[in-house]
């Protein structure tokens, strides 16, 4: 409480105690206590009560002013957020993250393509070996292993060294998301949100974000060329996400 109110309450308590003392002295037969003293003390109590009321009003006014100032500050900050403060940076960072994931996926697909190419070569080698071998002495599967290398389009092995296995792009990008969100409580909640949103709801979630935040809509806009180059299923997904370019921008 403000000091004025504390002081006023202390003065009132003191005045009330003094009156109680005078009253008790009268009851005990003390002839030195006069009616004027009692009246004066009662007036002091009335005055002290007014001081307390005044201090309470001042405290109420000050607290209301503090609440109003706090609310005004919160309103100003909220208005700034509603008007998009900070969303440009978030949209830019989200776009950068999406581009990074796309780059990871591209690198993984290129590596998978190399594995598939090697696997195709080994399959041809297996067939050549089988064709050149007497049917009664079939080399069986992985005939190329005689040269220390064998495999298929998903995995190739070099004896004594190890293997190179196809990377599942979805799992690889999940690793990036899990690591990026982190193991904190907030990060784990975000991971749960990601998992729950992705299955069956991803298009709805994307559309909702793009509709709510124009900055994200701009950052993840699809050009007419990109839309036209997408597969039929891809164009459907983009439309469901609200990322289909305006009709007048799309040819055909």
C-alpha atoms as a PDB file:
ATOM      1  CA  UNK A   1       0.000   0.000   0.000  1.00  0.00           C
ATOM      2  CA  UNK A   2       1.119   3.567  -0.557  1.00  0.00           C
ATOM      3  CA  UNK A   3       2.721   5.101   2.540  1.00  0.00           C
ATOM      4  CA  UNK A   4      -0.027   7.771   2.874  1.00  0.00           C
ATOM      5  CA  UNK A   5      -2.653   5.084   3.411  1.00  0.00           C
ATOM      6  CA  UNK A   6      -0.464   3.233   5.883  1.00  0.00           C
ATOM      7  CA  UNK A   7       0.161   6.442   7.802  1.00  0.00           C
ATOM      8  CA  UNK A   8      -3.524   7.402   7.801  1.00  0.00           C
ATOM      9  CA  UNK A   9      -4.550   3.974   9.083  1.00  0.00           C
ATOM     10  CA  UNK A  10      -1.899   4.155  11.800  1.00  0.00           C
ATOM     11  CA  UNK A  11      -3.154   7.581  12.887  1.00  0.00           C
ATOM     12  CA  UNK A  12      -6.745   6.278  13.020  1.00  0.00           C
ATOM     13  CA  UNK A  13      -5.690   3.260  15.066  1.00  0.00           C
ATOM     14  CA  UNK A  14      -3.766   5.503  17.436  1.00  0.00           C
ATOM     15  CA  UNK A  15      -6.732   7.875  17.843  1.00  0.00           C
ATOM     16  CA  UNK A  16      -9.129   4.994  18.491  1.00  0.00           C
ATOM     17  CA  UNK A  17      -6.757   3.530  21.077  1.00  0.00           C
ATOM     18  CA  UNK A  18      -6.461   6.921  22.824  1.00  0.00           C
ATOM     19  CA  UNK A  19     -10.264   7.231  23.018  1.00  0.00           C
ATOM     20  CA  UNK A  20     -10.530   3.709  24.375  1.00  0.00           C
ATOM     21  CA  UNK A  21      -7.991   4.637  27.049  1.00  0.00           C
ATOM     22  CA  UNK A  22      -9.925   7.779  28.025  1.00  0.00           C
ATOM     23  CA  UNK A  23     -13.185   5.822  28.160  1.00  0.00           C
ATOM     24  CA  UNK A  24     -11.583   3.223  30.397  1.00  0.00           C
ATOM     25  CA  UNK A  25     -10.203   5.928  32.707  1.00  0.00           C
ATOM     26  CA  UNK A  26     -13.712   7.376  33.071  1.00  0.00           C
ATOM     27  CA  UNK A  27     -15.113   3.936  33.828  1.00  0.00           C
ATOM     28  CA  UNK A  28     -12.400   3.503  36.451  1.00  0.00           C
ATOM     29  CA  UNK A  29     -13.441   6.713  38.224  1.00  0.00           C
ATOM     30  CA  UNK A  30     -10.703   9.025  36.967  1.00  0.00           C
ATOM     31  CA  UNK A  31     -12.077  12.566  37.478  1.00  0.00           C
ATOM     32  CA  UNK A  32      -9.262  14.149  35.471  1.00  0.00           C
ATOM     33  CA  UNK A  33     -10.847  13.126  32.146  1.00  0.00           C
ATOM     34  CA  UNK A  34     -13.177  15.837  30.911  1.00  0.00           C
ATOM     35  CA  UNK A  35     -16.006  15.770  28.376  1.00  0.00           C
ATOM     36  CA  UNK A  36     -13.991  18.126  26.226  1.00  0.00           C
ATOM     37  CA  UNK A  37     -11.126  15.616  26.049  1.00  0.00           C
ATOM     38  CA  UNK A  38     -13.544  12.893  24.963  1.00  0.00           C
ATOM     39  CA  UNK A  39     -15.154  15.142  22.372  1.00  0.00           C
ATOM     40  CA  UNK A  40     -11.792  16.250  21.026  1.00  0.00           C
ATOM     41  CA  UNK A  41     -10.643  12.661  20.748  1.00  0.00           C
ATOM     42  CA  UNK A  42     -13.815  11.698  18.889  1.00  0.00           C
ATOM     43  CA  UNK A  43     -13.203  14.589  16.499  1.00  0.00           C
ATOM     44  CA  UNK A  44      -9.668  13.341  15.971  1.00  0.00           C
ATOM     45  CA  UNK A  45     -11.062   9.914  15.114  1.00  0.00           C
ATOM     46  CA  UNK A  46     -13.543  11.416  12.634  1.00  0.00           C
ATOM     47  CA  UNK A  47     -10.721  13.408  11.056  1.00  0.00           C
ATOM     48  CA  UNK A  48      -8.486  10.326  10.914  1.00  0.00           C
ATOM     49  CA  UNK A  49     -11.276   8.366   9.240  1.00  0.00           C
ATOM     50  CA  UNK A  50     -11.557  11.080   6.600  1.00  0.00           C
ATOM     51  CA  UNK A  51      -7.795  10.900   6.082  1.00  0.00           C
ATOM     52  CA  UNK A  52      -8.053   7.142   5.575  1.00  0.00           C
ATOM     53  CA  UNK A  53     -10.914   7.581   3.066  1.00  0.00           C
ATOM     54  CA  UNK A  54      -8.910  10.209   1.204  1.00  0.00           C
ATOM     55  CA  UNK A  55      -5.849   7.944   1.078  1.00  0.00           C
ATOM     56  CA  UNK A  56      -7.992   5.048  -0.168  1.00  0.00           C
ATOM     57  CA  UNK A  57      -9.404   7.207  -2.942  1.00  0.00           C
ATOM     58  CA  UNK A  58      -5.906   8.292  -3.911  1.00  0.00           C
ATOM     59  CA  UNK A  59      -4.730   4.697  -3.948  1.00  0.00           C
ATOM     60  CA  UNK A  60      -7.721   3.648  -6.064  1.00  0.00           C
ATOM     61  CA  UNK A  61      -7.052   6.446  -8.535  1.00  0.00           C
ATOM     62  CA  UNK A  62      -3.346   5.629  -8.767  1.00  0.00           C
ATOM     63  CA  UNK A  63      -4.049   1.946  -9.273  1.00  0.00           C
ATOM     64  CA  UNK A  64      -6.570   2.732 -11.995  1.00  0.00           C
ATOM     65  CA  UNK A  65      -4.022   4.976 -13.696  1.00  0.00           C
ATOM     66  CA  UNK A  66      -1.450   2.179 -13.491  1.00  0.00           C
ATOM     67  CA  UNK A  67      -3.925  -0.337 -14.926  1.00  0.00           C
ATOM     68  CA  UNK A  68      -4.865   2.050 -17.721  1.00  0.00           C
ATOM     69  CA  UNK A  69      -1.205   2.658 -18.575  1.00  0.00           C
ATOM     70  CA  UNK A  70      -0.473  -1.088 -18.537  1.00  0.00           C
ATOM     71  CA  UNK A  71      -3.511  -1.804 -20.722  1.00  0.00           C
ATOM     72  CA  UNK A  72      -2.502   0.953 -23.163  1.00  0.00           C
ATOM     73  CA  UNK A  73       0.994  -0.512 -23.446  1.00  0.00           C
ATOM     74  CA  UNK A  74      -0.396  -4.026 -23.982  1.00  0.00           C
ATOM     75  CA  UNK A  75      -2.886  -2.698 -26.558  1.00  0.00           C
ATOM     76  CA  UNK A  76      -0.148  -0.893 -28.468  1.00  0.00           C
ATOM     77  CA  UNK A  77       2.012  -4.029 -28.533  1.00  0.00           C
ATOM     78  CA  UNK A  78      -0.947  -6.189 -29.578  1.00  0.00           C
ATOM     79  CA  UNK A  79      -1.887  -3.760 -32.360  1.00  0.00           C
ATOM     80  CA  UNK A  80       1.668  -3.901 -33.661  1.00  0.00           C
ATOM     81  CA  UNK A  81       1.553  -7.713 -33.775  1.00  0.00           C
ATOM     82  CA  UNK A  82      -1.873  -7.730 -35.406  1.00  0.00           C
ATOM     83  CA  UNK A  83      -0.558  -5.319 -38.021  1.00  0.00           C
ATOM     84  CA  UNK A  84       2.245  -7.771 -38.792  1.00  0.00           C
ATOM     85  CA  UNK A  85       5.201  -6.659 -36.672  1.00  0.00           C
ATOM     86  CA  UNK A  86       7.935  -9.301 -36.837  1.00  0.00           C
ATOM     87  CA  UNK A  87       6.151 -11.404 -39.443  1.00  0.00           C
ATOM     88  CA  UNK A  88       8.445 -10.283 -42.261  1.00  0.00           C
ATOM     89  CA  UNK A  89      11.417 -11.801 -40.424  1.00  0.00           C
ATOM     90  CA  UNK A  90       9.472 -14.950 -39.577  1.00  0.00           C
ATOM     91  CA  UNK A  91       8.277 -15.357 -43.168  1.00  0.00           C
ATOM     92  CA  UNK A  92      11.806 -14.845 -44.482  1.00  0.00           C
ATOM     93  CA  UNK A  93      13.232 -17.379 -42.008  1.00  0.00           C
ATOM     94  CA  UNK A  94      10.481 -19.887 -42.852  1.00  0.00           C
ATOM     95  CA  UNK A  95      11.229 -19.466 -46.554  1.00  0.00           C
ATOM     96  CA  UNK A  96      14.942 -19.981 -45.869  1.00  0.00           C
ATOM     97  CA  UNK A  97      14.144 -23.117 -43.852  1.00  0.00           C
ATOM     98  CA  UNK A  98      11.944 -24.436 -46.666  1.00  0.00           C
ATOM     99  CA  UNK A  99      14.671 -23.763 -49.228  1.00  0.00           C
ATOM    100  CA  UNK A 100      17.219 -25.512 -46.980  1.00  0.00           C
ATOM    101  CA  UNK A 101      14.963 -28.561 -46.685  1.00  0.00           C
ATOM    102  CA  UNK A 102      14.459 -28.531 -50.460  1.00  0.00           C
ATOM    103  CA  UNK A 103      18.251 -28.451 -50.883  1.00  0.00           C
ATOM    104  CA  UNK A 104      18.689 -31.375 -48.478  1.00  0.00           C
ATOM    105  CA  UNK A 105      16.025 -33.305 -50.387  1.00  0.00           C
ATOM    106  CA  UNK A 106      17.704 -32.505 -53.707  1.00  0.00           C
ATOM    107  CA  UNK A 107      21.084 -33.719 -52.472  1.00  0.00           C
ATOM    108  CA  UNK A 108      19.544 -36.889 -51.045  1.00  0.00           C
ATOM    109  CA  UNK A 109      17.699 -37.621 -54.289  1.00  0.00           C
ATOM    110  CA  UNK A 110      20.901 -37.091 -56.262  1.00  0.00           C
ATOM    111  CA  UNK A 111      22.682 -39.580 -54.001  1.00  0.00           C
ATOM    112  CA  UNK A 112      19.789 -42.017 -54.314  1.00  0.00           C
ATOM    113  CA  UNK A 113      20.006 -41.624 -58.081  1.00  0.00           C
ATOM    114  CA  UNK A 114      23.670 -42.619 -57.979  1.00  0.00           C
ATOM    115  CA  UNK A 115      22.825 -45.693 -55.899  1.00  0.00           C
ATOM    116  CA  UNK A 116      20.065 -46.641 -58.353  1.00  0.00           C
ATOM    117  CA  UNK A 117      22.412 -46.153 -61.311  1.00  0.00           C
ATOM    118  CA  UNK A 118      25.066 -48.372 -59.723  1.00  0.00           C
ATOM    119  CA  UNK A 119      22.385 -50.911 -58.840  1.00  0.00           C
ATOM    120  CA  UNK A 120      21.189 -50.980 -62.448  1.00  0.00           C
ATOM    121  CA  UNK A 121      24.748 -51.557 -63.627  1.00  0.00           C
ATOM    122  CA  UNK A 122      25.167 -54.413 -61.137  1.00  0.00           C
ATOM    123  CA  UNK A 123      21.844 -55.966 -62.232  1.00  0.00           C
ATOM    124  CA  UNK A 124      23.038 -55.904 -65.832  1.00  0.00           C
ATOM    125  CA  UNK A 125      26.318 -57.437 -64.712  1.00  0.00           C
ATOM    126  CA  UNK A 126      24.418 -60.179 -62.873  1.00  0.00           C
ATOM    127  CA  UNK A 127      22.456 -60.917 -66.029  1.00  0.00           C
ATOM    128  CA  UNK A 128      25.606 -61.012 -68.159  1.00  0.00           C
ATOM    129  CA  UNK A 129      27.270 -63.394 -65.732  1.00  0.00           C
ATOM    130  CA  UNK A 130      24.199 -65.614 -65.633  1.00  0.00           C
ATOM    131  CA  UNK A 131      23.989 -65.663 -69.436  1.00  0.00           C
ATOM    132  CA  UNK A 132      27.620 -66.653 -69.726  1.00  0.00           C
ATOM    133  CA  UNK A 133      27.315 -69.404 -67.153  1.00  0.00           C
ATOM    134  CA  UNK A 134      26.198 -72.953 -67.793  1.00  0.00           C
ATOM    135  CA  UNK A 135      22.627 -73.357 -66.611  1.00  0.00           C
ATOM    136  CA  UNK A 136      23.704 -76.259 -64.462  1.00  0.00           C
ATOM    137  CA  UNK A 137      26.164 -73.994 -62.682  1.00  0.00           C
ATOM    138  CA  UNK A 138      23.858 -71.020 -62.056  1.00  0.00           C
ATOM    139  CA  UNK A 139      25.684 -68.295 -60.153  1.00  0.00           C
ATOM    140  CA  UNK A 140      22.491 -67.436 -58.252  1.00  0.00           C
ATOM    141  CA  UNK A 141      21.638 -63.919 -57.088  1.00  0.00           C
ATOM    142  CA  UNK A 142      24.301 -61.264 -56.639  1.00  0.00           C
ATOM    143  CA  UNK A 143      26.584 -62.888 -59.176  1.00  0.00           C
ATOM    144  CA  UNK A 144      28.597 -59.663 -59.312  1.00  0.00           C
ATOM    145  CA  UNK A 145      29.774 -60.304 -55.773  1.00  0.00           C
ATOM    146  CA  UNK A 146      32.627 -62.304 -57.270  1.00  0.00           C
ATOM    147  CA  UNK A 147      34.087 -58.890 -58.086  1.00  0.00           C
ATOM    148  CA  UNK A 148      33.621 -57.631 -54.562  1.00  0.00           C
ATOM    149  CA  UNK A 149      30.618 -55.427 -55.317  1.00  0.00           C
ATOM    150  CA  UNK A 150      26.886 -56.220 -55.357  1.00  0.00           C
ATOM    151  CA  UNK A 151      23.452 -54.797 -54.663  1.00  0.00           C
ATOM    152  CA  UNK A 152      20.327 -53.337 -56.255  1.00  0.00           C
ATOM    153  CA  UNK A 153      18.738 -49.944 -56.894  1.00  0.00           C
ATOM    154  CA  UNK A 154      18.177 -49.342 -53.161  1.00  0.00           C
ATOM    155  CA  UNK A 155      21.514 -50.514 -51.765  1.00  0.00           C
ATOM    156  CA  UNK A 156      25.002 -51.278 -53.019  1.00  0.00           C
ATOM    157  CA  UNK A 157      27.676 -53.095 -51.064  1.00  0.00           C
ATOM    158  CA  UNK A 158      31.426 -53.284 -51.379  1.00  0.00           C
ATOM    159  CA  UNK A 159      32.818 -56.313 -49.572  1.00  0.00           C
ATOM    160  CA  UNK A 160      35.121 -55.396 -46.742  1.00  0.00           C
ATOM    161  CA  UNK A 161      34.063 -51.722 -46.822  1.00  0.00           C
ATOM    162  CA  UNK A 162      30.355 -51.356 -46.200  1.00  0.00           C
ATOM    163  CA  UNK A 163      27.226 -50.291 -48.008  1.00  0.00           C
ATOM    164  CA  UNK A 164      25.460 -47.221 -49.365  1.00  0.00           C
ATOM    165  CA  UNK A 165      21.698 -47.342 -48.802  1.00  0.00           C
ATOM    166  CA  UNK A 166      18.953 -45.191 -50.260  1.00  0.00           C
ATOM    167  CA  UNK A 167      18.086 -42.254 -48.013  1.00  0.00           C
ATOM    168  CA  UNK A 168      14.388 -41.822 -47.356  1.00  0.00           C
ATOM    169  CA  UNK A 169      13.930 -38.106 -47.969  1.00  0.00           C
ATOM    170  CA  UNK A 170      10.926 -37.799 -45.663  1.00  0.00           C
ATOM    171  CA  UNK A 171      12.844 -39.296 -42.739  1.00  0.00           C
ATOM    172  CA  UNK A 172      15.912 -37.204 -43.486  1.00  0.00           C
ATOM    173  CA  UNK A 173      13.948 -33.949 -43.490  1.00  0.00           C
ATOM    174  CA  UNK A 174      12.171 -35.089 -40.321  1.00  0.00           C
ATOM    175  CA  UNK A 175      15.606 -35.301 -38.710  1.00  0.00           C
ATOM    176  CA  UNK A 176      16.228 -31.670 -39.632  1.00  0.00           C
ATOM    177  CA  UNK A 177      12.865 -30.588 -38.201  1.00  0.00           C
ATOM    178  CA  UNK A 178      13.274 -32.558 -34.961  1.00  0.00           C
ATOM    179  CA  UNK A 179      16.795 -31.243 -34.443  1.00  0.00           C
ATOM    180  CA  UNK A 180      15.722 -27.719 -35.346  1.00  0.00           C
ATOM    181  CA  UNK A 181      12.827 -27.662 -32.884  1.00  0.00           C
ATOM    182  CA  UNK A 182      15.053 -29.089 -30.165  1.00  0.00           C
ATOM    183  CA  UNK A 183      14.484 -31.217 -27.034  1.00  0.00           C
ATOM    184  CA  UNK A 184      13.104 -28.452 -24.789  1.00  0.00           C
ATOM    185  CA  UNK A 185       9.505 -28.647 -23.577  1.00  0.00           C
ATOM    186  CA  UNK A 186       8.512 -26.052 -26.183  1.00  0.00           C
ATOM    187  CA  UNK A 187      10.428 -27.938 -28.864  1.00  0.00           C
ATOM    188  CA  UNK A 188       8.785 -31.248 -27.960  1.00  0.00           C
ATOM    189  CA  UNK A 189       5.337 -29.636 -28.025  1.00  0.00           C
ATOM    190  CA  UNK A 190       6.131 -28.219 -31.452  1.00  0.00           C
ATOM    191  CA  UNK A 191       7.230 -31.662 -32.646  1.00  0.00           C
ATOM    192  CA  UNK A 192       3.910 -33.088 -31.468  1.00  0.00           C
ATOM    193  CA  UNK A 193       2.050 -30.294 -33.257  1.00  0.00           C
ATOM    194  CA  UNK A 194       4.025 -31.072 -36.413  1.00  0.00           C
ATOM    195  CA  UNK A 195       3.218 -34.770 -36.243  1.00  0.00           C
ATOM    196  CA  UNK A 196      -0.472 -34.204 -35.488  1.00  0.00           C
ATOM    197  CA  UNK A 197      -0.857 -31.545 -38.181  1.00  0.00           C
ATOM    198  CA  UNK A 198       0.936 -33.431 -40.917  1.00  0.00           C
ATOM    199  CA  UNK A 199      -1.261 -36.511 -41.144  1.00  0.00           C
ATOM    200  CA  UNK A 200      -4.344 -35.616 -43.147  1.00  0.00           C
ATOM    201  CA  UNK A 201      -4.350 -31.975 -42.023  1.00  0.00           C
ATOM    202  CA  UNK A 202      -1.250 -30.505 -43.624  1.00  0.00           C
ATOM    203  CA  UNK A 203      -3.091 -28.767 -46.463  1.00  0.00           C
ATOM    204  CA  UNK A 204      -5.622 -27.281 -44.042  1.00  0.00           C
ATOM    205  CA  UNK A 205      -2.842 -26.072 -41.726  1.00  0.00           C
ATOM    206  CA  UNK A 206      -0.924 -24.509 -44.618  1.00  0.00           C
ATOM    207  CA  UNK A 207      -4.029 -22.788 -45.994  1.00  0.00           C
ATOM    208  CA  UNK A 208      -4.917 -21.434 -42.556  1.00  0.00           C
ATOM    209  CA  UNK A 209      -1.465 -19.956 -42.023  1.00  0.00           C
ATOM    210  CA  UNK A 210      -1.350 -18.379 -45.468  1.00  0.00           C
ATOM    211  CA  UNK A 211      -4.808 -16.872 -45.028  1.00  0.00           C
ATOM    212  CA  UNK A 212      -3.959 -15.464 -41.606  1.00  0.00           C
ATOM    213  CA  UNK A 213      -0.519 -14.098 -42.450  1.00  0.00           C
ATOM    214  CA  UNK A 214      -0.075 -12.300 -45.789  1.00  0.00           C
ATOM    215  CA  UNK A 215       3.702 -12.291 -45.260  1.00  0.00           C
ATOM    216  CA  UNK A 216       3.743 -16.100 -45.323  1.00  0.00           C
ATOM    217  CA  UNK A 217       1.463 -16.105 -48.368  1.00  0.00           C
ATOM    218  CA  UNK A 218       3.950 -13.882 -50.181  1.00  0.00           C
ATOM    219  CA  UNK A 219       6.962 -15.937 -49.061  1.00  0.00           C
ATOM    220  CA  UNK A 220       5.426 -19.228 -50.206  1.00  0.00           C
ATOM    221  CA  UNK A 221       3.660 -18.023 -53.330  1.00  0.00           C
ATOM    222  CA  UNK A 222       3.914 -20.331 -56.339  1.00  0.00           C
ATOM    223  CA  UNK A 223       4.590 -18.850 -59.761  1.00  0.00           C
ATOM    224  CA  UNK A 224       2.403 -19.799 -62.724  1.00  0.00           C
ATOM    225  CA  UNK A 225       5.426 -21.594 -64.196  1.00  0.00           C
ATOM    226  CA  UNK A 226       5.943 -23.643 -61.039  1.00  0.00           C
ATOM    227  CA  UNK A 227       2.263 -24.501 -60.907  1.00  0.00           C
ATOM    228  CA  UNK A 228       2.186 -25.541 -64.553  1.00  0.00           C
ATOM    229  CA  UNK A 229       5.285 -27.711 -64.076  1.00  0.00           C
ATOM    230  CA  UNK A 230       3.748 -29.593 -61.136  1.00  0.00           C
ATOM    231  CA  UNK A 231       2.109 -32.984 -61.599  1.00  0.00           C
ATOM    232  CA  UNK A 232      -1.662 -33.353 -61.528  1.00  0.00           C
ATOM    233  CA  UNK A 233      -1.487 -34.457 -57.911  1.00  0.00           C
ATOM    234  CA  UNK A 234       0.939 -31.637 -57.152  1.00  0.00           C
ATOM    235  CA  UNK A 235      -1.416 -29.030 -58.612  1.00  0.00           C
ATOM    236  CA  UNK A 236      -4.252 -30.477 -56.547  1.00  0.00           C
ATOM    237  CA  UNK A 237      -2.179 -30.241 -53.361  1.00  0.00           C
ATOM    238  CA  UNK A 238      -1.170 -26.637 -54.142  1.00  0.00           C
ATOM    239  CA  UNK A 239      -4.808 -25.724 -54.715  1.00  0.00           C
ATOM    240  CA  UNK A 240      -5.842 -27.344 -51.443  1.00  0.00           C
ATOM    241  CA  UNK A 241      -3.117 -25.354 -49.667  1.00  0.00           C
ATOM    242  CA  UNK A 242      -4.362 -22.092 -51.162  1.00  0.00           C
ATOM    243  CA  UNK A 243      -1.147 -21.693 -53.162  1.00  0.00           C
ATOM    244  CA  UNK A 244      -2.613 -21.908 -56.652  1.00  0.00           C
ATOM    245  CA  UNK A 245      -1.737 -18.750 -58.593  1.00  0.00           C
ATOM    246  CA  UNK A 246      -4.613 -16.476 -59.526  1.00  0.00           C
ATOM    247  CA  UNK A 247      -6.620 -17.926 -62.462  1.00  0.00           C
ATOM    248  CA  UNK A 248      -5.610 -15.083 -64.795  1.00  0.00           C
ATOM    249  CA  UNK A 249      -1.950 -15.874 -64.115  1.00  0.00           C
ATOM    250  CA  UNK A 250      -2.247 -19.532 -65.068  1.00  0.00           C
ATOM    251  CA  UNK A 251      -2.265 -20.497 -68.733  1.00  0.00           C
ATOM    252  CA  UNK A 252      -4.350 -23.491 -69.714  1.00  0.00           C
END
